[in-house]
Amino acid sequence: MQIPQRPDARPADPRFSSGPTRKRPGWTPAALATDSLGRSHRSKIGKARLKEAIDRTRSVLEVPNTHLIGIVPASDTGAVEMAMWSMLGARPVDVLAWESFGEEWVTDAVKQLRLPDCRTLTAGYGDLPDLSAVRPDADIVFTWNGTTSGVRVPDARWIGTDREGITICDATSACFAQRLDWDRLDVVTFSWQKVLGGEGAHGVLILGPRAVARLEGYTPPWPLPKIFRLTKGGRLVMGLFEGETINTPSMLAVEDYLDALRWAEGVGGLSGLCARADANLAAIADWAERTGWVDFLARDLATRSNTSVCLQVVDPRVLSLSDEAQADFAKRLAALLEKEGVALDAASYRSAPPGLRLWCGATVETSDVTAVLPWLDWAFGTLVAEIPAA
């Protein structure tokens, strides 16, 4: 095989990490307000900035006024587990998993909470489980967008509006790039280091009326640590959704999130953010269609993520290798791209099938996506030429 010519153009920004993700275009530390730093998060300015983050989140994500928004500890993981530990156990539970983070919620439900009537609906990397199999009387736990598989649910129509249970949706790599059906989601969680490229350690918890009713009408049989407690005396702690927090937040991270939200408003809000991510996915899809050595991990076009784009090598010369050699090839492919400084952190997730994963969320410029694609061809051609002929 003739190695493709080494490209001349390079991405202006080679950061394609899937979390924390790339900062918004033009970001510098000087863009952040600093008057809240060194102040108590309970001070007037601290509460005001936290409340502003909540209000701007509502505006950009188009969250209805029926839903409450709070900033909680421990990133998206903390937000999901806060909901699971506080609300599950009242009804049967269906947990859906088709990649590594969904599998974590299965572990929580089955091995940690040991829920007595808990079904797991699973699928391998690249597919979705049978969404029609969920029980209307059960609580549902699922990820909207599989960050490590690049597979997302196409919509929420499989969740009944007449459901008896509640839905807990981990939407951390979907928020700000994909539209969510708020009428069918009772709990939504995300962390702002995903699609908006914010700093880590903080989660966002969004509760609909049915989730609030569950919290105020049900007490789980297990003890809850402080960072999971959403109620006091059987009533929701409303301060958590008005700018108060359970533990001390980083005000620098809050200021960084506010900067990202203002940028999001400036590019057209949710519609503009979705359009940017869709354009990035389209650029890769056009390239993949005319490229013989690569394909999407997501088997169904309707379930293909526009943020965590996961690719697999399908060239017969690589597929003829042992599983260990295929994994090594993918690692060397990502390492060569990083060595050249054209795609950083582009390796597939450690438990996912070997390949590449390019973050294509709203903060990524389409010009950088199109610039990196010839480098993927060059890197593949360079390495596949080293495979001995059969």
Protein backbone atom coordinates (compact mmCIF):
# COMPACT_ATOMS: atom_id res chain seq x y z
CA MET A 1 0.00 0.00 0.00
CA GLN A 2 1.25 3.45 -0.87
CA ILE A 3 1.40 5.71 2.18
CA PRO A 4 -0.72 8.86 1.71
CA GLN A 5 1.18 12.07 1.32
CA ARG A 6 1.92 13.77 4.62
CA PRO A 7 -0.65 16.58 5.01
CA ASP A 8 0.47 20.20 5.09
CA ALA A 9 -2.46 21.73 6.98
CA ARG A 10 -2.90 21.07 10.68
CA PRO A 11 -5.82 21.61 13.04
CA ALA A 12 -5.54 24.99 14.73
CA ASP A 13 -6.46 23.21 17.97
CA PRO A 14 -5.60 19.48 18.20
CA ARG A 15 -7.50 18.79 21.43
CA PHE A 16 -10.12 16.12 20.81
CA SER A 17 -10.43 14.77 24.36
CA SER A 18 -13.85 13.46 25.38
CA GLY A 19 -13.67 14.89 28.87
CA PRO A 20 -12.67 17.37 29.99
CA THR A 21 -13.32 18.61 26.48
CA ARG A 22 -11.91 21.51 24.51
CA LYS A 23 -12.50 25.01 25.81
CA ARG A 24 -14.72 27.30 23.78
CA PRO A 25 -13.05 29.05 20.83
CA GLY A 26 -11.00 32.04 21.90
CA TRP A 27 -10.91 31.06 25.59
CA THR A 28 -8.21 32.54 27.80
CA PRO A 29 -7.96 32.72 31.61
CA ALA A 30 -8.25 36.51 31.28
CA ALA A 31 -11.86 36.05 30.15
CA LEU A 32 -12.90 34.88 33.63
CA ALA A 33 -14.26 37.21 36.29
CA THR A 34 -12.24 37.00 39.49
CA ASP A 35 -14.20 39.10 41.98
CA SER A 36 -15.87 36.00 43.44
CA LEU A 37 -12.55 34.28 44.12
CA GLY A 38 -11.35 34.18 47.70
CA ARG A 39 -14.93 34.84 48.82
CA SER A 40 -17.33 32.50 50.54
CA HIS A 41 -19.70 30.67 48.24
CA ARG A 42 -22.34 31.68 50.79
CA SER A 43 -21.56 35.37 50.39
CA LYS A 44 -23.89 37.59 48.41
CA ILE A 45 -21.63 37.48 45.35
CA GLY A 46 -21.02 33.75 45.68
CA LYS A 47 -24.72 32.91 45.78
CA ALA A 48 -25.41 35.34 42.96
CA ARG A 49 -22.87 33.68 40.65
CA LEU A 50 -24.16 30.20 41.46
CA LYS A 51 -27.73 31.35 40.81
CA GLU A 52 -26.63 32.96 37.55
CA ALA A 53 -25.11 29.63 36.50
CA ILE A 54 -28.45 27.94 37.21
CA ASP A 55 -30.46 30.59 35.35
CA ARG A 56 -28.20 30.58 32.28
CA THR A 57 -28.27 26.78 32.23
CA ARG A 58 -32.06 26.89 32.14
CA SER A 59 -32.03 29.42 29.32
CA VAL A 60 -29.46 27.68 27.11
CA LEU A 61 -30.81 24.15 27.61
CA GLU A 62 -34.42 25.37 27.36
CA VAL A 63 -35.32 23.63 30.60
CA PRO A 64 -39.00 24.22 31.44
CA ASN A 65 -39.92 26.06 34.62
CA THR A 66 -41.49 22.85 35.92
CA HIS A 67 -37.96 21.50 36.49
CA LEU A 68 -35.49 22.48 39.22
CA ILE A 69 -31.75 22.87 38.58
CA GLY A 70 -29.07 22.41 41.23
CA ILE A 71 -25.26 22.30 41.35
CA VAL A 72 -24.02 19.24 43.24
CA PRO A 73 -20.71 17.58 44.20
CA ALA A 74 -18.66 14.95 42.38
CA SER A 75 -19.32 15.70 38.73
CA ASP A 76 -21.94 13.81 36.72
CA THR A 77 -21.13 10.65 38.65
CA GLY A 78 -22.13 12.30 41.90
CA ALA A 79 -25.33 13.66 40.39
CA VAL A 80 -26.40 10.25 39.00
CA GLU A 81 -25.59 8.42 42.22
CA MET A 82 -27.32 11.09 44.31
CA ALA A 83 -30.49 10.42 42.33
CA MET A 84 -30.14 6.64 42.45
CA TRP A 85 -29.40 6.45 46.18
CA SER A 86 -32.17 8.92 47.04
CA MET A 87 -35.01 7.70 44.80
CA LEU A 88 -34.64 4.05 43.85
CA GLY A 89 -36.18 1.18 45.78
CA ALA A 90 -39.78 2.35 45.72
CA ARG A 91 -40.58 0.48 42.50
CA PRO A 92 -39.08 -2.13 40.18
CA VAL A 93 -36.06 -0.82 38.29
CA ASP A 94 -34.83 -1.28 34.70
CA VAL A 95 -31.21 -0.21 34.13
CA LEU A 96 -30.04 0.11 30.52
CA ALA A 97 -26.39 -0.20 29.56
CA TRP A 98 -24.55 -0.31 26.24
CA GLU A 99 -21.17 1.11 27.25
CA SER A 100 -18.95 1.60 30.30
CA PHE A 101 -20.81 4.35 32.17
CA GLY A 102 -24.15 2.59 31.87
CA GLU A 103 -22.42 -0.50 33.21
CA GLU A 104 -21.37 1.52 36.27
CA TRP A 105 -25.02 2.32 37.01
CA VAL A 106 -25.80 -1.40 36.68
CA THR A 107 -23.14 -2.10 39.29
CA ASP A 108 -24.61 0.53 41.60
CA ALA A 109 -28.12 -0.87 41.28
CA VAL A 110 -27.31 -4.58 41.45
CA LYS A 111 -24.20 -4.88 43.62
CA GLN A 112 -24.29 -1.80 45.84
CA LEU A 113 -27.96 -0.93 46.36
CA ARG A 114 -28.93 -4.58 45.80
CA LEU A 115 -32.36 -3.62 44.54
CA PRO A 116 -34.69 -6.61 44.83
CA ASP A 117 -36.59 -6.19 41.53
CA CYS A 118 -33.94 -4.90 39.16
CA ARG A 119 -33.58 -5.90 35.51
CA THR A 120 -30.60 -5.00 33.35
CA LEU A 121 -31.16 -4.44 29.63
CA THR A 122 -27.78 -4.48 27.91
CA ALA A 123 -26.19 -4.39 24.48
CA GLY A 124 -22.65 -4.57 23.23
CA TYR A 125 -20.60 -1.61 22.05
CA GLY A 126 -22.17 -0.24 18.86
CA ASP A 127 -25.76 -1.21 19.61
CA LEU A 128 -28.69 -0.24 21.85
CA PRO A 129 -30.68 -2.62 24.02
CA ASP A 130 -34.34 -3.26 23.20
CA LEU A 131 -35.85 0.03 24.36
CA SER A 132 -39.39 -1.31 23.93
CA ALA A 133 -38.72 -3.85 26.69
CA VAL A 134 -38.72 -1.32 29.54
CA ARG A 135 -41.56 -1.78 32.01
CA PRO A 136 -44.02 1.14 32.37
CA ASP A 137 -44.32 0.47 36.10
CA ALA A 138 -40.54 0.50 36.63
CA ASP A 139 -38.05 3.24 37.30
CA ILE A 140 -35.60 3.58 34.40
CA VAL A 141 -31.89 4.46 34.61
CA PHE A 142 -30.02 5.10 31.35
CA THR A 143 -27.46 7.22 29.57
CA TRP A 144 -28.75 9.38 26.72
CA ASN A 145 -25.42 9.42 24.89
CA GLY A 146 -22.83 6.69 25.40
CA THR A 147 -19.60 8.63 25.74
CA THR A 148 -17.41 5.55 25.33
CA SER A 149 -19.38 3.91 22.51
CA GLY A 150 -20.62 6.83 20.43
CA VAL A 151 -24.15 5.39 20.57
CA ARG A 152 -27.08 7.54 21.69
CA VAL A 153 -30.82 7.01 21.98
CA PRO A 154 -32.49 8.53 18.91
CA ASP A 155 -35.28 10.08 21.01
CA ALA A 156 -37.32 9.48 24.17
CA ARG A 157 -40.52 8.24 22.57
CA TRP A 158 -39.88 4.79 24.04
CA ILE A 159 -40.57 6.31 27.48
CA GLY A 160 -44.32 6.54 28.05
CA THR A 161 -45.90 9.79 29.13
CA ASP A 162 -48.26 7.64 31.22
CA ARG A 163 -45.39 5.82 32.95
CA GLU A 164 -45.72 4.91 36.60
CA GLY A 165 -42.02 4.93 37.40
CA ILE A 166 -39.49 7.77 37.13
CA THR A 167 -36.68 8.14 34.59
CA ILE A 168 -33.12 8.94 35.64
CA CYS A 169 -31.12 10.07 32.61
CA ASP A 170 -27.34 10.51 32.58
CA ALA A 171 -27.07 13.11 29.82
CA THR A 172 -23.55 14.35 30.45
CA SER A 173 -22.26 14.11 26.87
CA ALA A 174 -25.64 14.97 25.33
CA CYS A 175 -26.54 18.25 27.05
CA PHE A 176 -25.64 21.32 24.95
CA ALA A 177 -25.41 19.26 21.72
CA GLN A 178 -28.59 17.17 21.58
CA ARG A 179 -32.18 18.08 22.39
CA LEU A 180 -33.76 16.29 25.35
CA ASP A 181 -37.44 15.50 25.81
CA TRP A 182 -38.05 17.08 29.20
CA ASP A 183 -41.64 15.78 29.43
CA ARG A 184 -40.31 12.21 29.53
CA LEU A 185 -37.29 12.79 31.77
CA ASP A 186 -37.74 13.14 35.52
CA VAL A 187 -34.06 13.38 36.47
CA VAL A 188 -31.34 14.68 34.16
CA THR A 189 -27.68 14.94 35.11
CA PHE A 190 -24.57 16.32 33.45
CA SER A 191 -21.18 17.82 34.21
CA TRP A 192 -20.03 21.00 32.57
CA GLN A 193 -16.57 19.68 31.66
CA LYS A 194 -18.21 17.75 28.85
CA VAL A 195 -19.82 19.61 25.94
CA LEU A 196 -18.93 23.11 27.15
CA GLY A 197 -15.36 22.30 28.16
CA GLY A 198 -15.70 23.53 31.75
CA GLU A 199 -13.49 22.51 34.66
CA GLY A 200 -14.23 19.25 36.49
CA ALA A 201 -15.59 18.21 39.90
CA HIS A 202 -19.09 19.71 39.72
CA GLY A 203 -22.34 18.07 38.63
CA VAL A 204 -25.71 19.47 37.65
CA LEU A 205 -28.93 17.80 38.80
CA ILE A 206 -32.24 18.65 37.10
CA LEU A 207 -35.45 17.43 38.74
CA GLY A 208 -38.94 17.31 37.26
CA PRO A 209 -42.15 17.31 39.34
CA ARG A 210 -42.37 13.52 39.47
CA ALA A 211 -38.83 13.29 40.87
CA VAL A 212 -39.66 15.87 43.54
CA ALA A 213 -42.77 13.90 44.48
CA ARG A 214 -40.67 10.75 44.82
CA LEU A 215 -38.15 12.51 47.04
CA GLU A 216 -40.82 13.93 49.32
CA GLY A 217 -42.92 10.76 49.42
CA TYR A 218 -40.29 8.05 49.79
CA THR A 219 -37.47 7.40 52.25
CA PRO A 220 -34.92 4.79 51.13
CA PRO A 221 -34.05 2.04 53.62
CA TRP A 222 -30.29 2.70 53.48
CA PRO A 223 -28.32 5.55 55.08
CA LEU A 224 -27.43 8.54 52.88
CA PRO A 225 -24.13 10.41 53.17
CA LYS A 226 -24.30 14.18 53.43
CA ILE A 227 -23.48 14.83 49.79
CA PHE A 228 -26.52 12.75 48.71
CA ARG A 229 -29.13 14.38 50.95
CA LEU A 230 -31.72 16.33 49.00
CA THR A 231 -34.47 16.47 51.63
CA LYS A 232 -34.84 17.54 55.23
CA GLY A 233 -37.85 16.57 57.33
CA GLY A 234 -39.47 15.00 54.28
CA ARG A 235 -39.27 18.18 52.19
CA LEU A 236 -36.97 19.08 49.34
CA VAL A 237 -34.14 21.43 50.35
CA MET A 238 -35.07 24.25 47.97
CA GLY A 239 -31.91 26.24 48.64
CA LEU A 240 -29.96 23.70 46.57
CA PHE A 241 -31.83 24.94 43.52
CA GLU A 242 -31.41 28.64 44.27
CA GLY A 243 -27.63 28.98 44.45
CA GLU A 244 -26.76 27.13 47.64
CA THR A 245 -24.59 24.00 47.49
CA ILE A 246 -24.11 20.97 49.72
CA ASN A 247 -20.35 21.43 49.96
CA THR A 248 -17.87 24.11 48.93
CA PRO A 249 -17.71 24.61 45.14
CA SER A 250 -14.81 26.05 43.19
CA MET A 251 -15.84 29.57 42.32
CA LEU A 252 -13.15 29.61 39.64
CA ALA A 253 -14.85 26.62 38.00
CA VAL A 254 -18.20 28.41 38.31
CA GLU A 255 -16.79 31.52 36.62
CA ASP A 256 -15.39 29.32 33.85
CA TYR A 257 -18.80 27.70 33.38
CA LEU A 258 -20.45 31.12 33.21
CA ASP A 259 -17.99 32.15 30.52
CA ALA A 260 -18.90 29.04 28.52
CA LEU A 261 -22.62 29.70 28.93
CA ARG A 262 -22.25 33.28 27.68
CA TRP A 263 -20.37 31.96 24.66
CA ALA A 264 -23.15 29.42 24.09
CA GLU A 265 -25.72 32.19 24.12
CA GLY A 266 -23.63 34.08 21.58
CA VAL A 267 -23.60 31.22 19.06
CA GLY A 268 -27.37 30.87 19.08
CA GLY A 269 -28.14 28.97 22.25
CA LEU A 270 -29.14 25.33 22.05
CA SER A 271 -29.97 25.46 18.34
CA GLY A 272 -26.57 26.92 17.54
CA LEU A 273 -24.74 24.42 19.74
CA CYS A 274 -26.55 21.45 18.18
CA ALA A 275 -25.82 22.78 14.69
CA ARG A 276 -22.09 23.06 15.45
CA ALA A 277 -21.90 19.47 16.73
CA ASP A 278 -23.99 18.20 13.81
CA ALA A 279 -21.64 19.90 11.34
CA ASN A 280 -18.67 18.19 12.96
CA LEU A 281 -20.34 14.79 12.74
CA ALA A 282 -21.30 15.42 9.12
CA ALA A 283 -17.68 16.17 8.21
CA ILE A 284 -16.54 12.84 9.66
CA ALA A 285 -19.45 10.95 8.10
CA ASP A 286 -18.64 12.32 4.63
CA TRP A 287 -15.00 11.28 5.06
CA ALA A 288 -15.83 7.83 6.48
CA GLU A 289 -18.16 7.10 3.57
CA ARG A 290 -15.30 7.42 1.10
CA THR A 291 -12.67 5.85 3.38
CA GLY A 292 -12.32 2.09 3.27
CA TRP A 293 -10.32 1.45 6.42
CA VAL A 294 -12.64 2.99 9.02
CA ASP A 295 -16.27 2.90 10.11
CA PHE A 296 -18.42 4.17 12.96
CA LEU A 297 -18.77 1.96 16.01
CA ALA A 298 -22.49 2.88 16.10
CA ARG A 299 -24.16 0.43 13.74
CA ASP A 300 -27.38 2.40 13.23
CA LEU A 301 -27.20 5.86 11.66
CA ALA A 302 -30.06 7.07 13.90
CA THR A 303 -28.06 6.24 17.03
CA ARG A 304 -24.78 7.85 15.95
CA SER A 305 -23.48 10.40 18.46
CA ASN A 306 -22.60 13.91 17.32
CA THR A 307 -20.29 14.46 20.32
CA SER A 308 -18.31 11.34 21.22
CA VAL A 309 -17.59 10.02 17.74
CA CYS A 310 -16.20 6.50 18.06
CA LEU A 311 -14.48 4.92 15.06
CA GLN A 312 -13.20 1.40 14.47
CA VAL A 313 -10.65 0.06 12.01
CA VAL A 314 -12.30 -2.29 9.50
CA ASP A 315 -9.41 -2.81 7.09
CA PRO A 316 -8.99 -6.58 6.41
CA ARG A 317 -5.23 -6.41 7.00
CA VAL A 318 -5.78 -5.19 10.54
CA LEU A 319 -8.76 -7.45 11.21
CA SER A 320 -6.62 -10.45 10.24
CA LEU A 321 -4.40 -9.77 13.25
CA SER A 322 -4.95 -11.22 16.70
CA ASP A 323 -7.13 -9.29 19.14
CA GLU A 324 -4.01 -8.20 21.02
CA ALA A 325 -2.33 -7.02 17.83
CA GLN A 326 -5.45 -5.10 16.75
CA ALA A 327 -5.52 -3.32 20.11
CA ASP A 328 -1.83 -2.52 19.76
CA PHE A 329 -2.40 -1.14 16.26
CA ALA A 330 -5.12 1.21 17.55
CA LYS A 331 -2.89 2.39 20.39
CA ARG A 332 -0.03 3.10 18.01
CA LEU A 333 -2.41 4.93 15.69
CA ALA A 334 -3.51 7.28 18.47
CA ALA A 335 0.08 7.66 19.69
CA LEU A 336 1.30 8.66 16.21
CA LEU A 337 -1.41 11.31 15.93
CA GLU A 338 -0.43 12.66 19.34
CA LYS A 339 3.28 12.62 18.44
CA GLU A 340 2.51 14.71 15.38
CA GLY A 341 0.50 17.11 17.52
CA VAL A 342 -2.60 16.86 15.34
CA ALA A 343 -5.03 14.89 17.56
CA LEU A 344 -4.52 14.72 21.31
CA ASP A 345 -6.36 12.17 23.50
CA ALA A 346 -7.95 10.50 20.48
CA ALA A 347 -7.63 6.89 21.61
CA SER A 348 -10.76 4.87 22.25
CA TYR A 349 -11.87 4.42 25.87
CA ARG A 350 -9.88 1.76 27.73
CA SER A 351 -12.77 -0.72 27.94
CA ALA A 352 -14.18 0.00 24.47
CA PRO A 353 -13.26 -1.85 21.26
CA PRO A 354 -9.92 -0.61 19.88
CA GLY A 355 -10.15 2.39 17.60
CA LEU A 356 -10.30 6.17 17.77
CA ARG A 357 -12.61 8.57 19.56
CA LEU A 358 -12.85 12.19 18.45
CA TRP A 359 -14.82 14.66 20.54
CA CYS A 360 -16.94 16.70 18.15
CA GLY A 361 -19.05 18.75 20.55
CA ALA A 362 -19.99 22.37 20.11
CA THR A 363 -16.67 23.89 21.22
CA VAL A 364 -14.82 22.09 18.41
CA GLU A 365 -14.47 23.99 15.16
CA THR A 366 -15.50 22.12 12.00
CA SER A 367 -12.36 23.44 10.31
CA ASP A 368 -10.28 21.49 12.85
CA VAL A 369 -12.30 18.32 12.20
CA THR A 370 -11.77 18.57 8.46
CA ALA A 371 -8.08 19.34 8.98
CA VAL A 372 -7.43 16.27 11.12
CA LEU A 373 -9.05 13.75 8.76
CA PRO A 374 -6.18 13.62 6.22
CA TRP A 375 -3.86 13.00 9.17
CA LEU A 376 -5.94 9.98 10.16
CA ASP A 377 -5.48 8.59 6.65
CA TRP A 378 -1.74 9.32 6.76
CA ALA A 379 -1.26 7.73 10.18
CA PHE A 380 -3.23 4.64 9.19
CA GLY A 381 -1.32 4.28 5.92
CA THR A 382 1.99 4.66 7.73
CA LEU A 383 1.22 1.91 10.24
CA VAL A 384 -0.61 -0.53 7.99
CA ALA A 385 2.40 -0.52 5.65
CA GLU A 386 4.37 -2.12 8.49
CA ILE A 387 2.09 -5.19 8.62
CA PRO A 388 3.86 -8.11 6.92
CA ALA A 389 2.17 -9.41 3.80
CA ALA A 390 0.22 -12.62 4.33
